[in-house]
PDB file of N, CA and C in Angstrom:
ATOM      1  N   UNK A   1       0.848  -1.186  -0.043  1.00  0.00           N
ATOM      2  CA  UNK A   1      -0.011   0.032   0.048  1.00  0.00           C
ATOM      3  C   UNK A   1       0.857   1.194  -0.021  1.00  0.00           C
ATOM      4  N   UNK A   2       1.993   1.125   0.724  1.00  0.00           N
ATOM      5  CA  UNK A   2       2.882   2.299   0.845  1.00  0.00           C
ATOM      6  C   UNK A   2       3.513   2.631  -0.583  1.00  0.00           C
ATOM      7  N   UNK A   3       3.778   1.613  -1.397  1.00  0.00           N
ATOM      8  CA  UNK A   3       4.309   1.817  -2.738  1.00  0.00           C
ATOM      9  C   UNK A   3       3.343   2.597  -3.623  1.00  0.00           C
ATOM     10  N   UNK A   4       2.102   2.214  -3.519  1.00  0.00           N
ATOM     11  CA  UNK A   4       1.049   2.895  -4.331  1.00  0.00           C
ATOM     12  C   UNK A   4       0.892   4.354  -3.876  1.00  0.00           C
ATOM     13  N   UNK A   5       0.935   4.616  -2.544  1.00  0.00           N
ATOM     14  CA  UNK A   5       0.883   5.941  -1.999  1.00  0.00           C
ATOM     15  C   UNK A   5       2.048   6.826  -2.415  1.00  0.00           C
ATOM     16  N   UNK A   6       3.216   6.193  -2.414  1.00  0.00           N
ATOM     17  CA  UNK A   6       4.413   6.881  -2.839  1.00  0.00           C
ATOM     18  C   UNK A   6       4.322   7.281  -4.395  1.00  0.00           C
ATOM     19  N   UNK A   7       3.888   6.353  -5.125  1.00  0.00           N
ATOM     20  CA  UNK A   7       3.725   6.589  -6.588  1.00  0.00           C
ATOM     21  C   UNK A   7       2.653   7.679  -6.750  1.00  0.00           C
ATOM     22  N   UNK A   8       1.528   7.604  -6.114  1.00  0.00           N
ATOM     23  CA  UNK A   8       0.474   8.565  -6.225  1.00  0.00           C
ATOM     24  C   UNK A   8       0.929   9.997  -5.938  1.00  0.00           C
ATOM     25  N   UNK A   9       1.772  10.127  -4.953  1.00  0.00           N
ATOM     26  CA  UNK A   9       2.258  11.483  -4.542  1.00  0.00           C
ATOM     27  C   UNK A   9       3.577  11.905  -5.162  1.00  0.00           C
ATOM     28  N   UNK A  10       4.155  11.047  -6.012  1.00  0.00           N
ATOM     29  CA  UNK A  10       5.399  11.376  -6.557  1.00  0.00           C
ATOM     30  C   UNK A  10       5.369  12.441  -7.628  1.00  0.00           C
ATOM     31  N   UNK A  11       6.457  13.106  -7.985  1.00  0.00           N
ATOM     32  CA  UNK A  11       6.432  14.251  -8.989  1.00  0.00           C
ATOM     33  C   UNK A  11       6.094  13.705 -10.349  1.00  0.00           C
ATOM     34  N   UNK A  12       6.087  12.390 -10.590  1.00  0.00           N
ATOM     35  CA  UNK A  12       5.723  11.852 -11.948  1.00  0.00           C
ATOM     36  C   UNK A  12       4.551  10.966 -11.823  1.00  0.00           C
ATOM     37  N   UNK A  13       3.823  11.016 -10.726  1.00  0.00           N
ATOM     38  CA  UNK A  13       2.646  10.163 -10.513  1.00  0.00           C
ATOM     39  C   UNK A  13       1.392  10.640 -11.192  1.00  0.00           C
ATOM     40  N   UNK A  14       0.288   9.990 -10.999  1.00  0.00           N
ATOM     41  CA  UNK A  14      -0.983  10.252 -11.733  1.00  0.00           C
ATOM     42  C   UNK A  14      -1.604  11.624 -11.423  1.00  0.00           C
ATOM     43  N   UNK A  15      -1.087  12.289 -10.442  1.00  0.00           N
ATOM     44  CA  UNK A  15      -1.572  13.635 -10.151  1.00  0.00           C
ATOM     45  C   UNK A  15      -1.008  14.808 -11.064  1.00  0.00           C
ATOM     46  N   UNK A  16      -0.088  14.415 -12.006  1.00  0.00           N
ATOM     47  CA  UNK A  16       0.664  15.319 -12.805  1.00  0.00           C
ATOM     48  C   UNK A  16       0.532  15.080 -14.293  1.00  0.00           C
ATOM     49  N   UNK A  17       0.904  16.081 -15.059  1.00  0.00           N
ATOM     50  CA  UNK A  17       0.973  15.873 -16.466  1.00  0.00           C
ATOM     51  C   UNK A  17       2.195  15.038 -16.901  1.00  0.00           C
ATOM     52  N   UNK A  18       3.184  14.882 -16.020  1.00  0.00           N
ATOM     53  CA  UNK A  18       4.328  14.003 -16.334  1.00  0.00           C
ATOM     54  C   UNK A  18       3.794  12.564 -16.441  1.00  0.00           C
ATOM     55  N   UNK A  19       2.643  12.223 -15.980  1.00  0.00           N
ATOM     56  CA  UNK A  19       2.148  10.877 -16.044  1.00  0.00           C
ATOM     57  C   UNK A  19       1.110  10.799 -17.237  1.00  0.00           C
ATOM     58  N   UNK A  20       0.178  11.784 -17.288  1.00  0.00           N
ATOM     59  CA  UNK A  20      -0.965  11.659 -18.222  1.00  0.00           C
ATOM     60  C   UNK A  20      -0.531  12.068 -19.641  1.00  0.00           C
ATOM     61  N   UNK A  21       0.430  13.035 -19.786  1.00  0.00           N
ATOM     62  CA  UNK A  21       0.941  13.343 -21.096  1.00  0.00           C
ATOM     63  C   UNK A  21       1.476  12.172 -21.883  1.00  0.00           C
ATOM     64  N   UNK A  22       2.456  11.464 -21.303  1.00  0.00           N
ATOM     65  CA  UNK A  22       3.045  10.309 -21.991  1.00  0.00           C
ATOM     66  C   UNK A  22       2.003   9.214 -22.164  1.00  0.00           C
ATOM     67  N   UNK A  23       1.157   9.008 -21.212  1.00  0.00           N
ATOM     68  CA  UNK A  23       0.147   7.887 -21.298  1.00  0.00           C
ATOM     69  C   UNK A  23      -0.728   8.163 -22.554  1.00  0.00           C
ATOM     70  N   UNK A  24      -1.152   9.335 -22.654  1.00  0.00           N
ATOM     71  CA  UNK A  24      -2.035   9.635 -23.902  1.00  0.00           C
ATOM     72  C   UNK A  24      -1.168   9.726 -25.155  1.00  0.00           C
ATOM     73  N   UNK A  25       0.014  10.109 -25.056  1.00  0.00           N
ATOM     74  CA  UNK A  25       0.896  10.290 -26.215  1.00  0.00           C
ATOM     75  C   UNK A  25       1.206   8.918 -26.854  1.00  0.00           C
ATOM     76  N   UNK A  26       1.023   7.845 -26.121  1.00  0.00           N
ATOM     77  CA  UNK A  26       1.324   6.502 -26.681  1.00  0.00           C
ATOM     78  C   UNK A  26       0.396   6.194 -27.824  1.00  0.00           C
ATOM     79  N   UNK A  27      -0.733   6.935 -28.024  1.00  0.00           N
ATOM     80  CA  UNK A  27      -1.579   6.710 -29.146  1.00  0.00           C
ATOM     81  C   UNK A  27      -0.837   6.980 -30.436  1.00  0.00           C
ATOM     82  N   UNK A  28       0.107   7.866 -30.492  1.00  0.00           N
ATOM     83  CA  UNK A  28       0.846   8.225 -31.766  1.00  0.00           C
ATOM     84  C   UNK A  28       1.652   7.052 -32.257  1.00  0.00           C
ATOM     85  N   UNK A  29       2.585   6.492 -31.464  1.00  0.00           N
ATOM     86  CA  UNK A  29       3.384   5.347 -31.975  1.00  0.00           C
ATOM     87  C   UNK A  29       2.560   4.160 -32.219  1.00  0.00           C
ATOM     88  N   UNK A  30       1.460   3.972 -31.418  1.00  0.00           N
ATOM     89  CA  UNK A  30       0.614   2.816 -31.728  1.00  0.00           C
ATOM     90  C   UNK A  30      -0.129   2.950 -33.068  1.00  0.00           C
ATOM     91  N   UNK A  31      -0.591   4.185 -33.298  1.00  0.00           N
ATOM     92  CA  UNK A  31      -1.242   4.330 -34.661  1.00  0.00           C
ATOM     93  C   UNK A  31      -0.243   4.208 -35.732  1.00  0.00           C
ATOM     94  N   UNK A  32       1.012   4.715 -35.603  1.00  0.00           N
ATOM     95  CA  UNK A  32       2.037   4.578 -36.677  1.00  0.00           C
ATOM     96  C   UNK A  32       2.398   3.051 -36.861  1.00  0.00           C
ATOM     97  N   UNK A  33       2.457   2.344 -35.757  1.00  0.00           N
ATOM     98  CA  UNK A  33       2.694   0.869 -35.902  1.00  0.00           C
ATOM     99  C   UNK A  33       1.600   0.166 -36.722  1.00  0.00           C
ATOM    100  N   UNK A  34       0.348   0.527 -36.346  1.00  0.00           N
ATOM    101  CA  UNK A  34      -0.807  -0.160 -37.048  1.00  0.00           C
ATOM    102  C   UNK A  34      -0.714   0.213 -38.596  1.00  0.00           C
ATOM    103  N   UNK A  35      -0.234   1.467 -38.817  1.00  0.00           N
ATOM    104  CA  UNK A  35      -0.157   1.928 -40.221  1.00  0.00           C
ATOM    105  C   UNK A  35       0.964   1.206 -41.043  1.00  0.00           C
ATOM    106  N   UNK A  36       1.827   0.443 -40.390  1.00  0.00           N
ATOM    107  CA  UNK A  36       2.822  -0.260 -41.107  1.00  0.00           C
ATOM    108  C   UNK A  36       2.320  -1.340 -42.005  1.00  0.00           C
ATOM    109  N   UNK A  37       0.993  -1.698 -41.754  1.00  0.00           N
ATOM    110  CA  UNK A  37       0.377  -2.769 -42.607  1.00  0.00           C
ATOM    111  C   UNK A  37      -0.262  -2.077 -43.850  1.00  0.00           C
ATOM    112  N   UNK A  38      -0.355  -0.878 -43.910  1.00  0.00           N
ATOM    113  CA  UNK A  38      -0.976  -0.140 -45.062  1.00  0.00           C
ATOM    114  C   UNK A  38       0.041  -0.050 -46.133  1.00  0.00           C
ATOM    115  N   UNK A  39      -0.416   0.173 -47.394  1.00  0.00           N
ATOM    116  CA  UNK A  39       0.549   0.362 -48.557  1.00  0.00           C
ATOM    117  C   UNK A  39       1.325   1.656 -48.357  1.00  0.00           C
ATOM    118  N   UNK A  40       2.556   1.655 -48.778  1.00  0.00           N
ATOM    119  CA  UNK A  40       3.394   2.898 -48.604  1.00  0.00           C
ATOM    120  C   UNK A  40       2.955   4.107 -49.394  1.00  0.00           C
ATOM    121  N   UNK A  41       2.118   3.891 -50.352  1.00  0.00           N
ATOM    122  CA  UNK A  41       1.568   4.948 -51.235  1.00  0.00           C
ATOM    123  C   UNK A  41       0.644   5.837 -50.396  1.00  0.00           C
ATOM    124  N   UNK A  42       0.123   5.348 -49.295  1.00  0.00           N
ATOM    125  CA  UNK A  42      -0.835   6.045 -48.395  1.00  0.00           C
ATOM    126  C   UNK A  42      -0.042   6.958 -47.388  1.00  0.00           C
ATOM    127  N   UNK A  43       1.248   6.821 -47.320  1.00  0.00           N
ATOM    128  CA  UNK A  43       2.080   7.493 -46.341  1.00  0.00           C
ATOM    129  C   UNK A  43       2.327   8.956 -46.798  1.00  0.00           C
ATOM    130  N   UNK A  44       2.145   9.892 -45.891  1.00  0.00           N
ATOM    131  CA  UNK A  44       2.504  11.295 -46.198  1.00  0.00           C
ATOM    132  C   UNK A  44       3.921  11.476 -45.795  1.00  0.00           C
ATOM    133  N   UNK A  45       4.763  11.745 -46.767  1.00  0.00           N
ATOM    134  CA  UNK A  45       6.200  11.970 -46.524  1.00  0.00           C
ATOM    135  C   UNK A  45       6.403  13.193 -45.609  1.00  0.00           C
ATOM    136  N   UNK A  46       5.711  14.192 -45.868  1.00  0.00           N
ATOM    137  CA  UNK A  46       5.872  15.446 -45.195  1.00  0.00           C
ATOM    138  C   UNK A  46       5.450  15.291 -43.696  1.00  0.00           C
ATOM    139  N   UNK A  47       4.334  14.688 -43.419  1.00  0.00           N
ATOM    140  CA  UNK A  47       3.846  14.430 -41.995  1.00  0.00           C
ATOM    141  C   UNK A  47       4.761  13.515 -41.327  1.00  0.00           C
ATOM    142  N   UNK A  48       5.206  12.493 -41.970  1.00  0.00           N
ATOM    143  CA  UNK A  48       6.115  11.579 -41.334  1.00  0.00           C
ATOM    144  C   UNK A  48       7.398  12.218 -40.942  1.00  0.00           C
ATOM    145  N   UNK A  49       7.935  13.061 -41.749  1.00  0.00           N
ATOM    146  CA  UNK A  49       9.204  13.811 -41.513  1.00  0.00           C
ATOM    147  C   UNK A  49       8.975  14.745 -40.326  1.00  0.00           C
ATOM    148  N   UNK A  50       7.858  15.362 -40.310  1.00  0.00           N
ATOM    149  CA  UNK A  50       7.536  16.267 -39.131  1.00  0.00           C
ATOM    150  C   UNK A  50       7.433  15.517 -37.868  1.00  0.00           C
ATOM    151  N   UNK A  51       6.842  14.282 -37.894  1.00  0.00           N
ATOM    152  CA  UNK A  51       6.740  13.449 -36.685  1.00  0.00           C
ATOM    153  C   UNK A  51       8.098  13.009 -36.197  1.00  0.00           C
ATOM    154  N   UNK A  52       9.013  12.763 -37.187  1.00  0.00           N
ATOM    155  CA  UNK A  52      10.346  12.449 -36.801  1.00  0.00           C
ATOM    156  C   UNK A  52      11.091  13.601 -36.068  1.00  0.00           C
ATOM    157  N   UNK A  53      10.910  14.750 -36.550  1.00  0.00           N
ATOM    158  CA  UNK A  53      11.504  16.001 -35.850  1.00  0.00           C
ATOM    159  C   UNK A  53      10.854  16.171 -34.550  1.00  0.00           C
ATOM    160  N   UNK A  54       9.532  16.098 -34.437  1.00  0.00           N
ATOM    161  CA  UNK A  54       8.743  16.253 -33.206  1.00  0.00           C
ATOM    162  C   UNK A  54       9.243  15.262 -32.188  1.00  0.00           C
ATOM    163  N   UNK A  55       9.339  14.066 -32.513  1.00  0.00           N
ATOM    164  CA  UNK A  55       9.831  12.997 -31.502  1.00  0.00           C
ATOM    165  C   UNK A  55      11.221  13.272 -31.063  1.00  0.00           C
ATOM    166  N   UNK A  56      12.052  13.661 -31.983  1.00  0.00           N
ATOM    167  CA  UNK A  56      13.465  13.948 -31.681  1.00  0.00           C
ATOM    168  C   UNK A  56      13.552  15.102 -30.679  1.00  0.00           C
ATOM    169  N   UNK A  57      12.727  16.158 -30.928  1.00  0.00           N
ATOM    170  CA  UNK A  57      12.784  17.327 -29.952  1.00  0.00           C
ATOM    171  C   UNK A  57      12.241  16.915 -28.575  1.00  0.00           C
ATOM    172  N   UNK A  58      11.123  16.068 -28.599  1.00  0.00           N
ATOM    173  CA  UNK A  58      10.596  15.739 -27.245  1.00  0.00           C
ATOM    174  C   UNK A  58      11.456  14.625 -26.575  1.00  0.00           C
ATOM    175  N   UNK A  59      12.270  13.906 -27.322  1.00  0.00           N
ATOM    176  CA  UNK A  59      13.056  12.992 -26.643  1.00  0.00           C
ATOM    177  C   UNK A  59      14.113  13.826 -25.801  1.00  0.00           C
ATOM    178  N   UNK A  60      14.638  14.909 -26.371  1.00  0.00           N
ATOM    179  CA  UNK A  60      15.553  15.719 -25.676  1.00  0.00           C
ATOM    180  C   UNK A  60      14.848  16.436 -24.470  1.00  0.00           C
ATOM    181  N   UNK A  61      13.574  16.897 -24.789  1.00  0.00           N
ATOM    182  CA  UNK A  61      12.881  17.593 -23.644  1.00  0.00           C
ATOM    183  C   UNK A  61      12.648  16.646 -22.494  1.00  0.00           C
ATOM    184  N   UNK A  62      12.246  15.371 -22.770  1.00  0.00           N
ATOM    185  CA  UNK A  62      12.015  14.392 -21.733  1.00  0.00           C
ATOM    186  C   UNK A  62      13.206  14.150 -20.972  1.00  0.00           C
ATOM    187  N   UNK A  63      14.360  14.205 -21.580  1.00  0.00           N
ATOM    188  CA  UNK A  63      15.645  13.930 -20.865  1.00  0.00           C
ATOM    189  C   UNK A  63      16.091  15.140 -19.971  1.00  0.00           C
ATOM    190  N   UNK A  64      15.770  16.422 -20.450  1.00  0.00           N
ATOM    191  CA  UNK A  64      16.241  17.567 -19.824  1.00  0.00           C
ATOM    192  C   UNK A  64      15.288  18.037 -18.696  1.00  0.00           C
ATOM    193  N   UNK A  65      14.018  17.714 -18.799  1.00  0.00           N
ATOM    194  CA  UNK A  65      13.089  18.222 -17.813  1.00  0.00           C
ATOM    195  C   UNK A  65      13.391  17.589 -16.437  1.00  0.00           C
ATOM    196  N   UNK A  66      13.081  18.301 -15.361  1.00  0.00           N
ATOM    197  CA  UNK A  66      13.247  17.779 -14.004  1.00  0.00           C
ATOM    198  C   UNK A  66      11.912  17.557 -13.340  1.00  0.00           C
ATOM    199  N   UNK A  67      11.596  16.421 -12.773  1.00  0.00           N
ATOM    200  CA  UNK A  67      12.321  15.244 -12.883  1.00  0.00           C
ATOM    201  C   UNK A  67      12.301  14.580 -14.278  1.00  0.00           C
ATOM    202  N   UNK A  68      13.268  13.848 -14.541  1.00  0.00           N
ATOM    203  CA  UNK A  68      13.424  13.208 -15.845  1.00  0.00           C
ATOM    204  C   UNK A  68      12.181  12.332 -16.087  1.00  0.00           C
ATOM    205  N   UNK A  69      11.659  12.473 -17.243  1.00  0.00           N
ATOM    206  CA  UNK A  69      10.449  11.715 -17.660  1.00  0.00           C
ATOM    207  C   UNK A  69      10.766  10.550 -18.557  1.00  0.00           C
ATOM    208  N   UNK A  70      11.152   9.426 -17.938  1.00  0.00           N
ATOM    209  CA  UNK A  70      11.564   8.239 -18.666  1.00  0.00           C
ATOM    210  C   UNK A  70      10.359   7.645 -19.549  1.00  0.00           C
ATOM    211  N   UNK A  71       9.162   7.835 -18.962  1.00  0.00           N
ATOM    212  CA  UNK A  71       7.930   7.340 -19.608  1.00  0.00           C
ATOM    213  C   UNK A  71       7.762   8.084 -20.968  1.00  0.00           C
ATOM    214  N   UNK A  72       7.955   9.432 -20.979  1.00  0.00           N
ATOM    215  CA  UNK A  72       7.825  10.187 -22.127  1.00  0.00           C
ATOM    216  C   UNK A  72       8.980   9.912 -23.111  1.00  0.00           C
ATOM    217  N   UNK A  73      10.191   9.661 -22.597  1.00  0.00           N
ATOM    218  CA  UNK A  73      11.315   9.377 -23.350  1.00  0.00           C
ATOM    219  C   UNK A  73      11.105   8.005 -24.080  1.00  0.00           C
ATOM    220  N   UNK A  74      10.599   6.987 -23.417  1.00  0.00           N
ATOM    221  CA  UNK A  74      10.280   5.739 -24.075  1.00  0.00           C
ATOM    222  C   UNK A  74       9.192   5.889 -25.135  1.00  0.00           C
ATOM    223  N   UNK A  75       8.237   6.689 -24.893  1.00  0.00           N
ATOM    224  CA  UNK A  75       7.151   6.866 -25.869  1.00  0.00           C
ATOM    225  C   UNK A  75       7.793   7.521 -27.126  1.00  0.00           C
ATOM    226  N   UNK A  76       8.617   8.547 -26.977  1.00  0.00           N
ATOM    227  CA  UNK A  76       9.164   9.176 -28.113  1.00  0.00           C
ATOM    228  C   UNK A  76      10.189   8.479 -28.904  1.00  0.00           C
ATOM    229  N   UNK A  77      10.944   7.633 -28.151  1.00  0.00           N
ATOM    230  CA  UNK A  77      11.932   6.750 -28.787  1.00  0.00           C
ATOM    231  C   UNK A  77      11.186   5.702 -29.719  1.00  0.00           C
ATOM    232  N   UNK A  78      10.055   5.208 -29.137  1.00  0.00           N
ATOM    233  CA  UNK A  78       9.234   4.235 -29.925  1.00  0.00           C
ATOM    234  C   UNK A  78       8.686   4.929 -31.136  1.00  0.00           C
ATOM    235  N   UNK A  79       8.150   6.151 -30.987  1.00  0.00           N
ATOM    236  CA  UNK A  79       7.583   6.875 -32.049  1.00  0.00           C
ATOM    237  C   UNK A  79       8.648   7.184 -33.123  1.00  0.00           C
ATOM    238  N   UNK A  80       9.800   7.588 -32.697  1.00  0.00           N
ATOM    239  CA  UNK A  80      10.897   7.957 -33.637  1.00  0.00           C
ATOM    240  C   UNK A  80      11.242   6.712 -34.474  1.00  0.00           C
ATOM    241  N   UNK A  81      11.333   5.620 -33.789  1.00  0.00           N
ATOM    242  CA  UNK A  81      11.683   4.321 -34.500  1.00  0.00           C
ATOM    243  C   UNK A  81      10.599   3.979 -35.499  1.00  0.00           C
ATOM    244  N   UNK A  82       9.343   4.007 -35.167  1.00  0.00           N
ATOM    245  CA  UNK A  82       8.345   3.640 -36.112  1.00  0.00           C
ATOM    246  C   UNK A  82       8.172   4.688 -37.207  1.00  0.00           C
ATOM    247  N   UNK A  83       8.309   6.002 -36.947  1.00  0.00           N
ATOM    248  CA  UNK A  83       8.288   7.000 -38.002  1.00  0.00           C
ATOM    249  C   UNK A  83       9.395   6.849 -39.006  1.00  0.00           C
ATOM    250  N   UNK A  84      10.590   6.609 -38.458  1.00  0.00           N
ATOM    251  CA  UNK A  84      11.732   6.441 -39.377  1.00  0.00           C
ATOM    252  C   UNK A  84      11.518   5.206 -40.294  1.00  0.00           C
ATOM    253  N   UNK A  85      10.894   4.214 -39.790  1.00  0.00           N
ATOM    254  CA  UNK A  85      10.586   3.050 -40.585  1.00  0.00           C
ATOM    255  C   UNK A  85       9.576   3.416 -41.734  1.00  0.00           C
ATOM    256  N   UNK A  86       8.551   4.164 -41.250  1.00  0.00           N
ATOM    257  CA  UNK A  86       7.564   4.566 -42.236  1.00  0.00           C
ATOM    258  C   UNK A  86       8.124   5.531 -43.275  1.00  0.00           C
ATOM    259  N   UNK A  87       9.055   6.357 -42.915  1.00  0.00           N
ATOM    260  CA  UNK A  87       9.678   7.248 -43.827  1.00  0.00           C
ATOM    261  C   UNK A  87      10.557   6.492 -44.857  1.00  0.00           C
ATOM    262  N   UNK A  88      11.259   5.457 -44.389  1.00  0.00           N
ATOM    263  CA  UNK A  88      12.044   4.611 -45.242  1.00  0.00           C
ATOM    264  C   UNK A  88      11.099   3.833 -46.254  1.00  0.00           C
ATOM    265  N   UNK A  89       9.892   3.396 -45.768  1.00  0.00           N
ATOM    266  CA  UNK A  89       8.970   2.808 -46.660  1.00  0.00           C
ATOM    267  C   UNK A  89       8.456   3.819 -47.760  1.00  0.00           C
ATOM    268  N   UNK A  90       8.203   4.996 -47.315  1.00  0.00           N
ATOM    269  CA  UNK A  90       7.751   6.044 -48.261  1.00  0.00           C
ATOM    270  C   UNK A  90       8.877   6.354 -49.245  1.00  0.00           C
ATOM    271  N   UNK A  91      10.086   6.503 -48.800  1.00  0.00           N
ATOM    272  CA  UNK A  91      11.202   6.745 -49.736  1.00  0.00           C
ATOM    273  C   UNK A  91      11.367   5.689 -50.743  1.00  0.00           C
ATOM    274  N   UNK A  92      11.273   4.430 -50.364  1.00  0.00           N
ATOM    275  CA  UNK A  92      11.307   3.297 -51.192  1.00  0.00           C
ATOM    276  C   UNK A  92      10.235   3.345 -52.281  1.00  0.00           C
ATOM    277  N   UNK A  93       9.063   3.681 -51.806  1.00  0.00           N
ATOM    278  CA  UNK A  93       7.929   3.755 -52.773  1.00  0.00           C
ATOM    279  C   UNK A  93       8.064   4.919 -53.744  1.00  0.00           C
ATOM    280  N   UNK A  94       8.728   5.920 -53.400  1.00  0.00           N
ATOM    281  CA  UNK A  94       8.885   7.127 -54.245  1.00  0.00           C
ATOM    282  C   UNK A  94      10.036   6.862 -55.186  1.00  0.00           C
ATOM    283  N   UNK A  95      10.893   5.811 -54.945  1.00  0.00           N
ATOM    284  CA  UNK A  95      12.031   5.502 -55.832  1.00  0.00           C
ATOM    285  C   UNK A  95      13.291   6.237 -55.435  1.00  0.00           C
ATOM    286  N   UNK A  96      13.297   6.921 -54.210  1.00  0.00           N
ATOM    287  CA  UNK A  96      14.488   7.604 -53.847  1.00  0.00           C
ATOM    288  C   UNK A  96      15.677   6.695 -53.653  1.00  0.00           C
ATOM    289  N   UNK A  97      15.428   5.493 -53.127  1.00  0.00           N
ATOM    290  CA  UNK A  97      16.502   4.574 -52.799  1.00  0.00           C
ATOM    291  C   UNK A  97      17.233   4.249 -54.066  1.00  0.00           C
ATOM    292  N   UNK A  98      16.496   3.870 -55.159  1.00  0.00           N
ATOM    293  CA  UNK A  98      17.058   3.453 -56.468  1.00  0.00           C
ATOM    294  C   UNK A  98      17.978   4.577 -57.046  1.00  0.00           C
ATOM    295  N   UNK A  99      17.408   5.836 -56.940  1.00  0.00           N
ATOM    296  CA  UNK A  99      18.204   7.062 -57.445  1.00  0.00           C
ATOM    297  C   UNK A  99      19.556   7.189 -56.619  1.00  0.00           C
ATOM    298  N   UNK A 100      19.369   6.993 -55.339  1.00  0.00           N
ATOM    299  CA  UNK A 100      20.665   7.130 -54.499  1.00  0.00           C
ATOM    300  C   UNK A 100      21.670   6.079 -54.844  1.00  0.00           C
ATOM    301  N   UNK A 101      21.165   4.902 -55.080  1.00  0.00           N
ATOM    302  CA  UNK A 101      22.099   3.767 -55.445  1.00  0.00           C
ATOM    303  C   UNK A 101      22.771   4.001 -56.811  1.00  0.00           C
ATOM    304  N   UNK A 102      21.928   4.618 -57.761  1.00  0.00           N
ATOM    305  CA  UNK A 102      22.518   4.953 -59.082  1.00  0.00           C
ATOM    306  C   UNK A 102      23.629   6.006 -58.972  1.00  0.00           C
ATOM    307  N   UNK A 103      23.382   7.001 -58.115  1.00  0.00           N
ATOM    308  CA  UNK A 103      24.389   8.080 -57.944  1.00  0.00           C
ATOM    309  C   UNK A 103      25.604   7.498 -57.316  1.00  0.00           C
ATOM    310  N   UNK A 104      25.530   6.653 -56.344  1.00  0.00           N
ATOM    311  CA  UNK A 104      26.628   6.035 -55.676  1.00  0.00           C
ATOM    312  C   UNK A 104      27.450   5.152 -56.735  1.00  0.00           C
ATOM    313  N   UNK A 105      26.722   4.430 -57.559  1.00  0.00           N
ATOM    314  CA  UNK A 105      27.433   3.611 -58.625  1.00  0.00           C
ATOM    315  C   UNK A 105      28.098   4.474 -59.619  1.00  0.00           C
ATOM    316  N   UNK A 106      27.471   5.590 -60.038  1.00  0.00           N
ATOM    317  CA  UNK A 106      28.072   6.494 -60.993  1.00  0.00           C
ATOM    318  C   UNK A 106      29.407   7.059 -60.428  1.00  0.00           C
ATOM    319  N   UNK A 107      29.315   7.516 -59.122  1.00  0.00           N
ATOM    320  CA  UNK A 107      30.512   8.074 -58.464  1.00  0.00           C
ATOM    321  C   UNK A 107      31.625   7.064 -58.386  1.00  0.00           C
ATOM    322  N   UNK A 108      31.191   5.810 -58.116  1.00  0.00           N
ATOM    323  CA  UNK A 108      32.242   4.769 -57.998  1.00  0.00           C
ATOM    324  C   UNK A 108      32.896   4.446 -59.349  1.00  0.00           C
ATOM    325  N   UNK A 109      32.141   4.529 -60.394  1.00  0.00           N
ATOM    326  CA  UNK A 109      32.620   4.281 -61.784  1.00  0.00           C
ATOM    327  C   UNK A 109      33.539   5.424 -62.144  1.00  0.00           C
ATOM    328  N   UNK A 110      33.209   6.658 -61.797  1.00  0.00           N
ATOM    329  CA  UNK A 110      34.110   7.775 -62.120  1.00  0.00           C
ATOM    330  C   UNK A 110      35.510   7.678 -61.455  1.00  0.00           C
ATOM    331  N   UNK A 111      35.547   7.158 -60.219  1.00  0.00           N
ATOM    332  CA  UNK A 111      36.779   7.019 -59.528  1.00  0.00           C
ATOM    333  C   UNK A 111      37.678   5.935 -59.990  1.00  0.00           C
ATOM    334  N   UNK A 112      37.175   4.977 -60.709  1.00  0.00           N
ATOM    335  CA  UNK A 112      37.929   3.795 -61.172  1.00  0.00           C
ATOM    336  C   UNK A 112      38.668   4.120 -62.393  1.00  0.00           C
TER     337      UNK A 112
END
């Protein structure tokens, strides 16, 4: 019972936004994970890039805020991972990967 009381009254407990913010924020990486089953043509490259920047910024925030919010950090690390995967799927669908490989091969041929 004492453990629950301590958690309830802690600076990152359910009485604070340090608890509820990350809890509700988990909906973003969960939705992105569910979207990995959809075709890459339905991915918005701009929005996915924005989500990558957003999660990177909030990973830093969650590390720098006092008390450190490990729950928020885990949420944004998960979101960053899934968003980067989605961005890679979008880039492959747009043909950016094959263009990059062609440029690398051309540069390698020039140096030989």
